[in-house]
Amino acid sequence: CVITSVTRDDLNDKGALHWATTINEIRKLNPGITME
């Protein structure tokens, strides 16, 4: 799967935690998946 995002300059971490959470949730529910 491929994930992208808008730019979030308004967030202190620029959305990095949300990014990490999304990637981890995808892996948790879809073992063996690859990602861009």
PDB file of all heavy atoms in Angstrom:
ATOM      1  N   CYS A   1       0.835  -1.198   0.000  1.00  0.00           N
ATOM      2  CA  CYS A   1       0.000   0.000   0.000  1.00  0.00           C
ATOM      3  C   CYS A   1       0.870   1.249   0.000  1.00  0.00           C
ATOM      4  O   CYS A   1       2.044   1.206   0.386  1.00  0.00           O
ATOM      5  CB  CYS A   1      -0.961   0.015   1.183  1.00  0.00           C
ATOM      6  SG  CYS A   1      -0.183   0.246   2.786  1.00  0.00           S
ATOM      7  N   VAL A   2       0.281   2.348  -0.446  1.00  0.00           N
ATOM      8  CA  VAL A   2       0.963   3.638  -0.506  1.00  0.00           C
ATOM      9  C   VAL A   2       0.160   4.646   0.305  1.00  0.00           C
ATOM     10  O   VAL A   2      -1.055   4.755   0.151  1.00  0.00           O
ATOM     11  CB  VAL A   2       1.117   4.135  -1.961  1.00  0.00           C
ATOM     12  CG1 VAL A   2       1.902   5.446  -1.981  1.00  0.00           C
ATOM     13  CG2 VAL A   2       1.794   3.095  -2.825  1.00  0.00           C
ATOM     14  N   ILE A   3       0.860   5.385   1.174  1.00  0.00           N
ATOM     15  CA  ILE A   3       0.241   6.410   2.007  1.00  0.00           C
ATOM     16  C   ILE A   3       0.949   7.740   1.729  1.00  0.00           C
ATOM     17  O   ILE A   3       2.172   7.794   1.614  1.00  0.00           O
ATOM     18  CB  ILE A   3       0.393   6.090   3.511  1.00  0.00           C
ATOM     19  CG1 ILE A   3       0.043   4.631   3.807  1.00  0.00           C
ATOM     20  CG2 ILE A   3      -0.468   7.038   4.342  1.00  0.00           C
ATOM     21  CD1 ILE A   3      -1.377   4.259   3.572  1.00  0.00           C
ATOM     22  N   THR A   4       0.158   8.800   1.640  1.00  0.00           N
ATOM     23  CA  THR A   4       0.734  10.144   1.549  1.00  0.00           C
ATOM     24  C   THR A   4      -0.064  11.067   2.471  1.00  0.00           C
ATOM     25  O   THR A   4      -1.001  10.630   3.137  1.00  0.00           O
ATOM     26  CB  THR A   4       0.743  10.656   0.097  1.00  0.00           C
ATOM     27  OG1 THR A   4       1.508  11.868   0.028  1.00  0.00           O
ATOM     28  CG2 THR A   4      -0.665  10.921  -0.426  1.00  0.00           C
ATOM     29  N   SER A   5       0.313  12.325   2.520  1.00  0.00           N
ATOM     30  CA  SER A   5      -0.414  13.254   3.398  1.00  0.00           C
ATOM     31  C   SER A   5      -0.286  14.674   2.874  1.00  0.00           C
ATOM     32  O   SER A   5       0.586  14.992   2.061  1.00  0.00           O
ATOM     33  CB  SER A   5       0.147  13.197   4.825  1.00  0.00           C
ATOM     34  OG  SER A   5       1.345  13.937   4.940  1.00  0.00           O
ATOM     35  N   VAL A   6      -1.166  15.516   3.398  1.00  0.00           N
ATOM     36  CA  VAL A   6      -0.995  16.952   3.215  1.00  0.00           C
ATOM     37  C   VAL A   6       0.150  17.393   4.127  1.00  0.00           C
ATOM     38  O   VAL A   6       0.583  16.650   5.006  1.00  0.00           O
ATOM     39  CB  VAL A   6      -2.284  17.717   3.581  1.00  0.00           C
ATOM     40  CG1 VAL A   6      -3.395  17.382   2.607  1.00  0.00           C
ATOM     41  CG2 VAL A   6      -2.711  17.404   5.022  1.00  0.00           C
ATOM     42  N   THR A   7       0.663  18.607   3.921  1.00  0.00           N
ATOM     43  CA  THR A   7       1.681  19.168   4.807  1.00  0.00           C
ATOM     44  C   THR A   7       0.983  19.841   5.989  1.00  0.00           C
ATOM     45  O   THR A   7       0.050  20.619   5.807  1.00  0.00           O
ATOM     46  CB  THR A   7       2.552  20.187   4.058  1.00  0.00           C
ATOM     47  OG1 THR A   7       3.210  19.522   2.982  1.00  0.00           O
ATOM     48  CG2 THR A   7       3.596  20.796   4.980  1.00  0.00           C
ATOM     49  N   ARG A   8       1.449  19.527   7.212  1.00  0.00           N
ATOM     50  CA  ARG A   8       0.831  20.078   8.410  1.00  0.00           C
ATOM     51  C   ARG A   8       1.850  20.891   9.204  1.00  0.00           C
ATOM     52  O   ARG A   8       2.329  20.477  10.257  1.00  0.00           O
ATOM     53  CB  ARG A   8       0.244  18.950   9.269  1.00  0.00           C
ATOM     54  CG  ARG A   8      -0.947  18.233   8.635  1.00  0.00           C
ATOM     55  CD  ARG A   8      -2.149  19.145   8.428  1.00  0.00           C
ATOM     56  NE  ARG A   8      -2.643  19.727   9.663  1.00  0.00           N
ATOM     57  CZ  ARG A   8      -3.666  19.212  10.364  1.00  0.00           C
ATOM     58  NH1 ARG A   8      -4.296  18.136   9.927  1.00  0.00           N
ATOM     59  NH2 ARG A   8      -4.071  19.801  11.478  1.00  0.00           N
ATOM     60  N   ASP A   9       2.186  22.064   8.686  1.00  0.00           N
ATOM     61  CA  ASP A   9       3.109  22.963   9.382  1.00  0.00           C
ATOM     62  C   ASP A   9       2.523  23.488  10.686  1.00  0.00           C
ATOM     63  O   ASP A   9       3.256  24.025  11.528  1.00  0.00           O
ATOM     64  CB  ASP A   9       3.491  24.142   8.476  1.00  0.00           C
ATOM     65  CG  ASP A   9       4.381  23.731   7.317  1.00  0.00           C
ATOM     66  OD1 ASP A   9       5.171  22.786   7.482  1.00  0.00           O
ATOM     67  OD2 ASP A   9       4.293  24.364   6.248  1.00  0.00           O
ATOM     68  N   ASP A  10       1.211  23.340  10.879  1.00  0.00           N
ATOM     69  CA  ASP A  10       0.562  23.831  12.088  1.00  0.00           C
ATOM     70  C   ASP A  10       0.792  22.933  13.294  1.00  0.00           C
ATOM     71  O   ASP A  10       0.584  23.356  14.432  1.00  0.00           O
ATOM     72  CB  ASP A  10      -0.943  23.963  11.846  1.00  0.00           C
ATOM     73  CG  ASP A  10      -1.590  22.638  11.484  1.00  0.00           C
ATOM     74  OD1 ASP A  10      -1.077  21.963  10.563  1.00  0.00           O
ATOM     75  OD2 ASP A  10      -2.602  22.267  12.108  1.00  0.00           O
ATOM     76  N   LEU A  11       1.218  21.692  13.075  1.00  0.00           N
ATOM     77  CA  LEU A  11       1.420  20.738  14.163  1.00  0.00           C
ATOM     78  C   LEU A  11       2.868  20.768  14.640  1.00  0.00           C
ATOM     79  O   LEU A  11       3.786  20.864  13.829  1.00  0.00           O
ATOM     80  CB  LEU A  11       1.061  19.332  13.698  1.00  0.00           C
ATOM     81  CG  LEU A  11      -0.389  19.118  13.224  1.00  0.00           C
ATOM     82  CD1 LEU A  11      -0.555  17.717  12.668  1.00  0.00           C
ATOM     83  CD2 LEU A  11      -1.368  19.380  14.372  1.00  0.00           C
ATOM     84  N   ASN A  12       3.058  20.656  15.942  1.00  0.00           N
ATOM     85  CA  ASN A  12       4.418  20.723  16.499  1.00  0.00           C
ATOM     86  C   ASN A  12       5.333  19.652  15.919  1.00  0.00           C
ATOM     87  O   ASN A  12       6.512  19.899  15.669  1.00  0.00           O
ATOM     88  CB  ASN A  12       4.368  20.592  18.031  1.00  0.00           C
ATOM     89  CG  ASN A  12       3.786  21.830  18.695  1.00  0.00           C
ATOM     90  OD1 ASN A  12       3.847  22.931  18.146  1.00  0.00           O
ATOM     91  ND2 ASN A  12       3.206  21.651  19.874  1.00  0.00           N
ATOM     92  N   ASP A  13       4.786  18.457  15.706  1.00  0.00           N
ATOM     93  CA  ASP A  13       5.608  17.365  15.171  1.00  0.00           C
ATOM     94  C   ASP A  13       5.397  17.166  13.677  1.00  0.00           C
ATOM     95  O   ASP A  13       5.839  16.188  13.101  1.00  0.00           O
ATOM     96  CB  ASP A  13       5.329  16.062  15.913  1.00  0.00           C
ATOM     97  CG  ASP A  13       3.942  15.489  15.594  1.00  0.00           C
ATOM     98  OD1 ASP A  13       3.104  16.219  15.007  1.00  0.00           O
ATOM     99  OD2 ASP A  13       3.702  14.313  15.929  1.00  0.00           O
ATOM    100  N   LYS A  14       4.703  18.132  13.035  1.00  0.00           N
ATOM    101  CA  LYS A  14       4.417  18.115  11.590  1.00  0.00           C
ATOM    102  C   LYS A  14       3.595  16.896  11.167  1.00  0.00           C
ATOM    103  O   LYS A  14       3.592  16.515   9.999  1.00  0.00           O
ATOM    104  CB  LYS A  14       5.724  18.181  10.772  1.00  0.00           C
ATOM    105  CG  LYS A  14       6.682  19.287  11.218  1.00  0.00           C
ATOM    106  CD  LYS A  14       6.055  20.654  11.172  1.00  0.00           C
ATOM    107  CE  LYS A  14       6.996  21.756  11.632  1.00  0.00           C
ATOM    108  NZ  LYS A  14       7.265  21.751  13.084  1.00  0.00           N
ATOM    109  N   GLY A  15       2.959  16.265  12.144  1.00  0.00           N
ATOM    110  CA  GLY A  15       2.124  15.101  11.853  1.00  0.00           C
ATOM    111  C   GLY A  15       2.861  13.779  11.939  1.00  0.00           C
ATOM    112  O   GLY A  15       2.304  12.726  11.599  1.00  0.00           O
ATOM    113  N   ALA A  16       4.100  13.790  12.423  1.00  0.00           N
ATOM    114  CA  ALA A  16       4.932  12.580  12.422  1.00  0.00           C
ATOM    115  C   ALA A  16       4.336  11.460  13.275  1.00  0.00           C
ATOM    116  O   ALA A  16       4.368  10.288  12.883  1.00  0.00           O
ATOM    117  CB  ALA A  16       6.345  12.914  12.899  1.00  0.00           C
ATOM    118  N   LEU A  17       3.789  11.793  14.449  1.00  0.00           N
ATOM    119  CA  LEU A  17       3.211  10.758  15.309  1.00  0.00           C
ATOM    120  C   LEU A  17       2.006  10.104  14.643  1.00  0.00           C
ATOM    121  O   LEU A  17       1.820   8.884  14.713  1.00  0.00           O
ATOM    122  CB  LEU A  17       2.813  11.348  16.667  1.00  0.00           C
ATOM    123  CG  LEU A  17       2.187  10.365  17.663  1.00  0.00           C
ATOM    124  CD1 LEU A  17       3.147   9.212  17.960  1.00  0.00           C
ATOM    125  CD2 LEU A  17       1.785  11.084  18.954  1.00  0.00           C
ATOM    126  N   HIS A  18       1.176  10.905  13.992  1.00  0.00           N
ATOM    127  CA  HIS A  18       0.021  10.374  13.270  1.00  0.00           C
ATOM    128  C   HIS A  18       0.494   9.459  12.138  1.00  0.00           C
ATOM    129  O   HIS A  18      -0.099   8.407  11.897  1.00  0.00           O
ATOM    130  CB  HIS A  18      -0.823  11.532  12.723  1.00  0.00           C
ATOM    131  CG  HIS A  18      -2.182  11.134  12.259  1.00  0.00           C
ATOM    132  ND1 HIS A  18      -3.260  11.021  13.107  1.00  0.00           N
ATOM    133  CD2 HIS A  18      -2.639  10.805  11.020  1.00  0.00           C
ATOM    134  CE1 HIS A  18      -4.331  10.661  12.416  1.00  0.00           C
ATOM    135  NE2 HIS A  18      -3.985  10.525  11.136  1.00  0.00           N
ATOM    136  N   TRP A  19       1.545   9.872  11.458  1.00  0.00           N
ATOM    137  CA  TRP A  19       2.151   9.034  10.424  1.00  0.00           C
ATOM    138  C   TRP A  19       2.578   7.691  11.008  1.00  0.00           C
ATOM    139  O   TRP A  19       2.249   6.620  10.479  1.00  0.00           O
ATOM    140  CB  TRP A  19       3.378   9.739   9.833  1.00  0.00           C
ATOM    141  CG  TRP A  19       3.162  10.425   8.536  1.00  0.00           C
ATOM    142  CD1 TRP A  19       3.119  11.774   8.310  1.00  0.00           C
ATOM    143  CD2 TRP A  19       2.996   9.823   7.259  1.00  0.00           C
ATOM    144  NE1 TRP A  19       2.923  12.030   6.975  1.00  0.00           N
ATOM    145  CE2 TRP A  19       2.845  10.856   6.302  1.00  0.00           C
ATOM    146  CE3 TRP A  19       2.951   8.501   6.826  1.00  0.00           C
ATOM    147  CZ2 TRP A  19       2.658  10.604   4.942  1.00  0.00           C
ATOM    148  CZ3 TRP A  19       2.752   8.238   5.466  1.00  0.00           C
ATOM    149  CH2 TRP A  19       2.612   9.281   4.543  1.00  0.00           C
ATOM    150  N   ALA A  20       3.344   7.732  12.103  1.00  0.00           N
ATOM    151  CA  ALA A  20       3.863   6.510  12.710  1.00  0.00           C
ATOM    152  C   ALA A  20       2.725   5.602  13.175  1.00  0.00           C
ATOM    153  O   ALA A  20       2.777   4.372  12.991  1.00  0.00           O
ATOM    154  CB  ALA A  20       4.782   6.858  13.875  1.00  0.00           C
ATOM    155  N   THR A  21       1.695   6.194  13.762  1.00  0.00           N
ATOM    156  CA  THR A  21       0.548   5.419  14.226  1.00  0.00           C
ATOM    157  C   THR A  21      -0.154   4.728  13.067  1.00  0.00           C
ATOM    158  O   THR A  21      -0.546   3.556  13.153  1.00  0.00           O
ATOM    159  CB  THR A  21      -0.449   6.326  14.980  1.00  0.00           C
ATOM    160  OG1 THR A  21       0.221   6.969  16.066  1.00  0.00           O
ATOM    161  CG2 THR A  21      -1.624   5.526  15.516  1.00  0.00           C
ATOM    162  N   THR A  22      -0.310   5.443  11.964  1.00  0.00           N
ATOM    163  CA  THR A  22      -0.962   4.868  10.782  1.00  0.00           C
ATOM    164  C   THR A  22      -0.168   3.685  10.245  1.00  0.00           C
ATOM    165  O   THR A  22      -0.733   2.616   9.949  1.00  0.00           O
ATOM    166  CB  THR A  22      -1.125   5.939   9.684  1.00  0.00           C
ATOM    167  OG1 THR A  22      -1.889   7.040  10.195  1.00  0.00           O
ATOM    168  CG2 THR A  22      -1.825   5.363   8.459  1.00  0.00           C
ATOM    169  N   ILE A  23       1.133   3.851  10.105  1.00  0.00           N
ATOM    170  CA  ILE A  23       1.982   2.770   9.599  1.00  0.00           C
ATOM    171  C   ILE A  23       1.900   1.548  10.515  1.00  0.00           C
ATOM    172  O   ILE A  23       1.747   0.405  10.052  1.00  0.00           O
ATOM    173  CB  ILE A  23       3.439   3.256   9.465  1.00  0.00           C
ATOM    174  CG1 ILE A  23       3.536   4.336   8.379  1.00  0.00           C
ATOM    175  CG2 ILE A  23       4.381   2.087   9.140  1.00  0.00           C
ATOM    176  CD1 ILE A  23       4.845   5.108   8.387  1.00  0.00           C
ATOM    177  N   ASN A  24       1.971   1.786  11.818  1.00  0.00           N
ATOM    178  CA  ASN A  24       1.926   0.679  12.772  1.00  0.00           C
ATOM    179  C   ASN A  24       0.577  -0.026  12.781  1.00  0.00           C
ATOM    180  O   ASN A  24       0.506  -1.260  12.904  1.00  0.00           O
ATOM    181  CB  ASN A  24       2.270   1.182  14.177  1.00  0.00           C
ATOM    182  CG  ASN A  24       3.739   1.546  14.319  1.00  0.00           C
ATOM    183  OD1 ASN A  24       4.595   0.971  13.653  1.00  0.00           O
ATOM    184  ND2 ASN A  24       4.035   2.502  15.198  1.00  0.00           N
ATOM    185  N   GLU A  25      -0.511   0.745  12.646  1.00  0.00           N
ATOM    186  CA  GLU A  25      -1.847   0.142  12.606  1.00  0.00           C
ATOM    187  C   GLU A  25      -2.026  -0.715  11.355  1.00  0.00           C
ATOM    188  O   GLU A  25      -2.636  -1.793  11.404  1.00  0.00           O
ATOM    189  CB  GLU A  25      -2.920   1.231  12.653  1.00  0.00           C
ATOM    190  CG  GLU A  25      -3.141   1.838  14.018  1.00  0.00           C
ATOM    191  CD  GLU A  25      -3.745   0.852  15.000  1.00  0.00           C
ATOM    192  OE1 GLU A  25      -4.688   0.123  14.624  1.00  0.00           O
ATOM    193  OE2 GLU A  25      -3.272   0.789  16.145  1.00  0.00           O
ATOM    194  N   ILE A  26      -1.511  -0.237  10.228  1.00  0.00           N
ATOM    195  CA  ILE A  26      -1.597  -1.015   8.986  1.00  0.00           C
ATOM    196  C   ILE A  26      -0.861  -2.341   9.147  1.00  0.00           C
ATOM    197  O   ILE A  26      -1.373  -3.407   8.780  1.00  0.00           O
ATOM    198  CB  ILE A  26      -1.027  -0.213   7.806  1.00  0.00           C
ATOM    199  CG1 ILE A  26      -1.934   0.972   7.480  1.00  0.00           C
ATOM    200  CG2 ILE A  26      -0.863  -1.108   6.565  1.00  0.00           C
ATOM    201  CD1 ILE A  26      -1.346   1.947   6.492  1.00  0.00           C
ATOM    202  N   ARG A  27       0.338  -2.289   9.697  1.00  0.00           N
ATOM    203  CA  ARG A  27       1.121  -3.509   9.887  1.00  0.00           C
ATOM    204  C   ARG A  27       0.446  -4.469  10.876  1.00  0.00           C
ATOM    205  O   ARG A  27       0.479  -5.687  10.696  1.00  0.00           O
ATOM    206  CB  ARG A  27       2.512  -3.140  10.394  1.00  0.00           C
ATOM    207  CG  ARG A  27       3.428  -2.621   9.296  1.00  0.00           C
ATOM    208  CD  ARG A  27       4.725  -3.422   9.269  1.00  0.00           C
ATOM    209  NE  ARG A  27       5.511  -3.017   8.102  1.00  0.00           N
ATOM    210  CZ  ARG A  27       6.326  -1.971   8.101  1.00  0.00           C
ATOM    211  NH1 ARG A  27       6.454  -1.224   9.180  1.00  0.00           N
ATOM    212  NH2 ARG A  27       7.016  -1.682   7.010  1.00  0.00           N
ATOM    213  N   LYS A  28      -0.139  -3.912  11.925  1.00  0.00           N
ATOM    214  CA  LYS A  28      -0.785  -4.725  12.949  1.00  0.00           C
ATOM    215  C   LYS A  28      -1.938  -5.541  12.369  1.00  0.00           C
ATOM    216  O   LYS A  28      -2.119  -6.718  12.708  1.00  0.00           O
ATOM    217  CB  LYS A  28      -1.292  -3.813  14.067  1.00  0.00           C
ATOM    218  CG  LYS A  28      -1.969  -4.524  15.225  1.00  0.00           C
ATOM    219  CD  LYS A  28      -2.401  -3.501  16.267  1.00  0.00           C
ATOM    220  CE  LYS A  28      -3.164  -4.150  17.417  1.00  0.00           C
ATOM    221  NZ  LYS A  28      -3.596  -3.122  18.408  1.00  0.00           N
ATOM    222  N   LEU A  29      -2.715  -4.915  11.502  1.00  0.00           N
ATOM    223  CA  LEU A  29      -3.899  -5.571  10.933  1.00  0.00           C
ATOM    224  C   LEU A  29      -3.593  -6.326   9.647  1.00  0.00           C
ATOM    225  O   LEU A  29      -4.387  -7.169   9.206  1.00  0.00           O
ATOM    226  CB  LEU A  29      -4.989  -4.517  10.677  1.00  0.00           C
ATOM    227  CG  LEU A  29      -6.432  -5.012  10.574  1.00  0.00           C
ATOM    228  CD1 LEU A  29      -6.864  -5.705  11.863  1.00  0.00           C
ATOM    229  CD2 LEU A  29      -7.368  -3.849  10.258  1.00  0.00           C
ATOM    230  N   ASN A  30      -2.436  -6.034   9.045  1.00  0.00           N
ATOM    231  CA  ASN A  30      -2.075  -6.643   7.753  1.00  0.00           C
ATOM    232  C   ASN A  30      -0.650  -7.184   7.804  1.00  0.00           C
ATOM    233  O   ASN A  30       0.267  -6.627   7.180  1.00  0.00           O
ATOM    234  CB  ASN A  30      -2.208  -5.605   6.631  1.00  0.00           C
ATOM    235  CG  ASN A  30      -3.600  -5.027   6.516  1.00  0.00           C
ATOM    236  OD1 ASN A  30      -4.446  -5.547   5.813  1.00  0.00           O
ATOM    237  ND2 ASN A  30      -3.845  -3.919   7.223  1.00  0.00           N
ATOM    238  N   PRO A  31      -0.419  -8.282   8.549  1.00  0.00           N
ATOM    239  CA  PRO A  31       0.937  -8.827   8.671  1.00  0.00           C
ATOM    240  C   PRO A  31       1.537  -9.161   7.310  1.00  0.00           C
ATOM    241  O   PRO A  31       0.861  -9.698   6.431  1.00  0.00           O
ATOM    242  CB  PRO A  31       0.723 -10.106   9.496  1.00  0.00           C
ATOM    243  CG  PRO A  31      -0.569  -9.898  10.216  1.00  0.00           C
ATOM    244  CD  PRO A  31      -1.409  -9.067   9.297  1.00  0.00           C
ATOM    245  N   GLY A  32       2.801  -8.794   7.134  1.00  0.00           N
ATOM    246  CA  GLY A  32       3.492  -9.100   5.888  1.00  0.00           C
ATOM    247  C   GLY A  32       3.335  -8.058   4.798  1.00  0.00           C
ATOM    248  O   GLY A  32       3.948  -8.162   3.733  1.00  0.00           O
ATOM    249  N   ILE A  33       2.523  -7.024   5.059  1.00  0.00           N
ATOM    250  CA  ILE A  33       2.324  -5.989   4.035  1.00  0.00           C
ATOM    251  C   ILE A  33       3.589  -5.157   3.856  1.00  0.00           C
ATOM    252  O   ILE A  33       4.375  -4.983   4.788  1.00  0.00           O
ATOM    253  CB  ILE A  33       1.141  -5.073   4.398  1.00  0.00           C
ATOM    254  CG1 ILE A  33       0.757  -4.210   3.178  1.00  0.00           C
ATOM    255  CG2 ILE A  33       1.483  -4.170   5.593  1.00  0.00           C
ATOM    256  CD1 ILE A  33      -0.671  -3.870   3.092  1.00  0.00           C
ATOM    257  N   THR A  34       3.800  -4.676   2.634  1.00  0.00           N
ATOM    258  CA  THR A  34       4.878  -3.720   2.373  1.00  0.00           C
ATOM    259  C   THR A  34       4.260  -2.354   2.105  1.00  0.00           C
ATOM    260  O   THR A  34       3.094  -2.252   1.736  1.00  0.00           O
ATOM    261  CB  THR A  34       5.738  -4.157   1.177  1.00  0.00           C
ATOM    262  OG1 THR A  34       4.891  -4.297   0.014  1.00  0.00           O
ATOM    263  CG2 THR A  34       6.443  -5.478   1.459  1.00  0.00           C
ATOM    264  N   MET A  35       5.074  -1.308   2.316  1.00  0.00           N
ATOM    265  CA  MET A  35       4.539   0.049   2.239  1.00  0.00           C
ATOM    266  C   MET A  35       5.488   1.032   1.583  1.00  0.00           C
ATOM    267  O   MET A  35       6.705   0.916   1.745  1.00  0.00           O
ATOM    268  CB  MET A  35       4.231   0.570   3.648  1.00  0.00           C
ATOM    269  CG  MET A  35       2.811   0.407   4.081  1.00  0.00           C
ATOM    270  SD  MET A  35       2.565   1.083   5.752  1.00  0.00           S
ATOM    271  CE  MET A  35       2.995  -0.361   6.708  1.00  0.00           C
ATOM    272  N   GLU A  36       4.905   1.979   0.865  1.00  0.00           N
ATOM    273  CA  GLU A  36       5.607   3.199   0.469  1.00  0.00           C
ATOM    274  C   GLU A  36       4.923   4.360   1.163  1.00  0.00           C
ATOM    275  O   GLU A  36       3.690   4.450   1.163  1.00  0.00           O
ATOM    276  CB  GLU A  36       5.567   3.421  -1.036  1.00  0.00           C
ATOM    277  CG  GLU A  36       6.163   4.772  -1.442  1.00  0.00           C
ATOM    278  CD  GLU A  36       6.107   5.066  -2.936  1.00  0.00           C
ATOM    279  OE1 GLU A  36       6.106   4.113  -3.735  1.00  0.00           O
ATOM    280  OE2 GLU A  36       6.047   6.258  -3.292  1.00  0.00           O
TER     281      GLU A  36
END
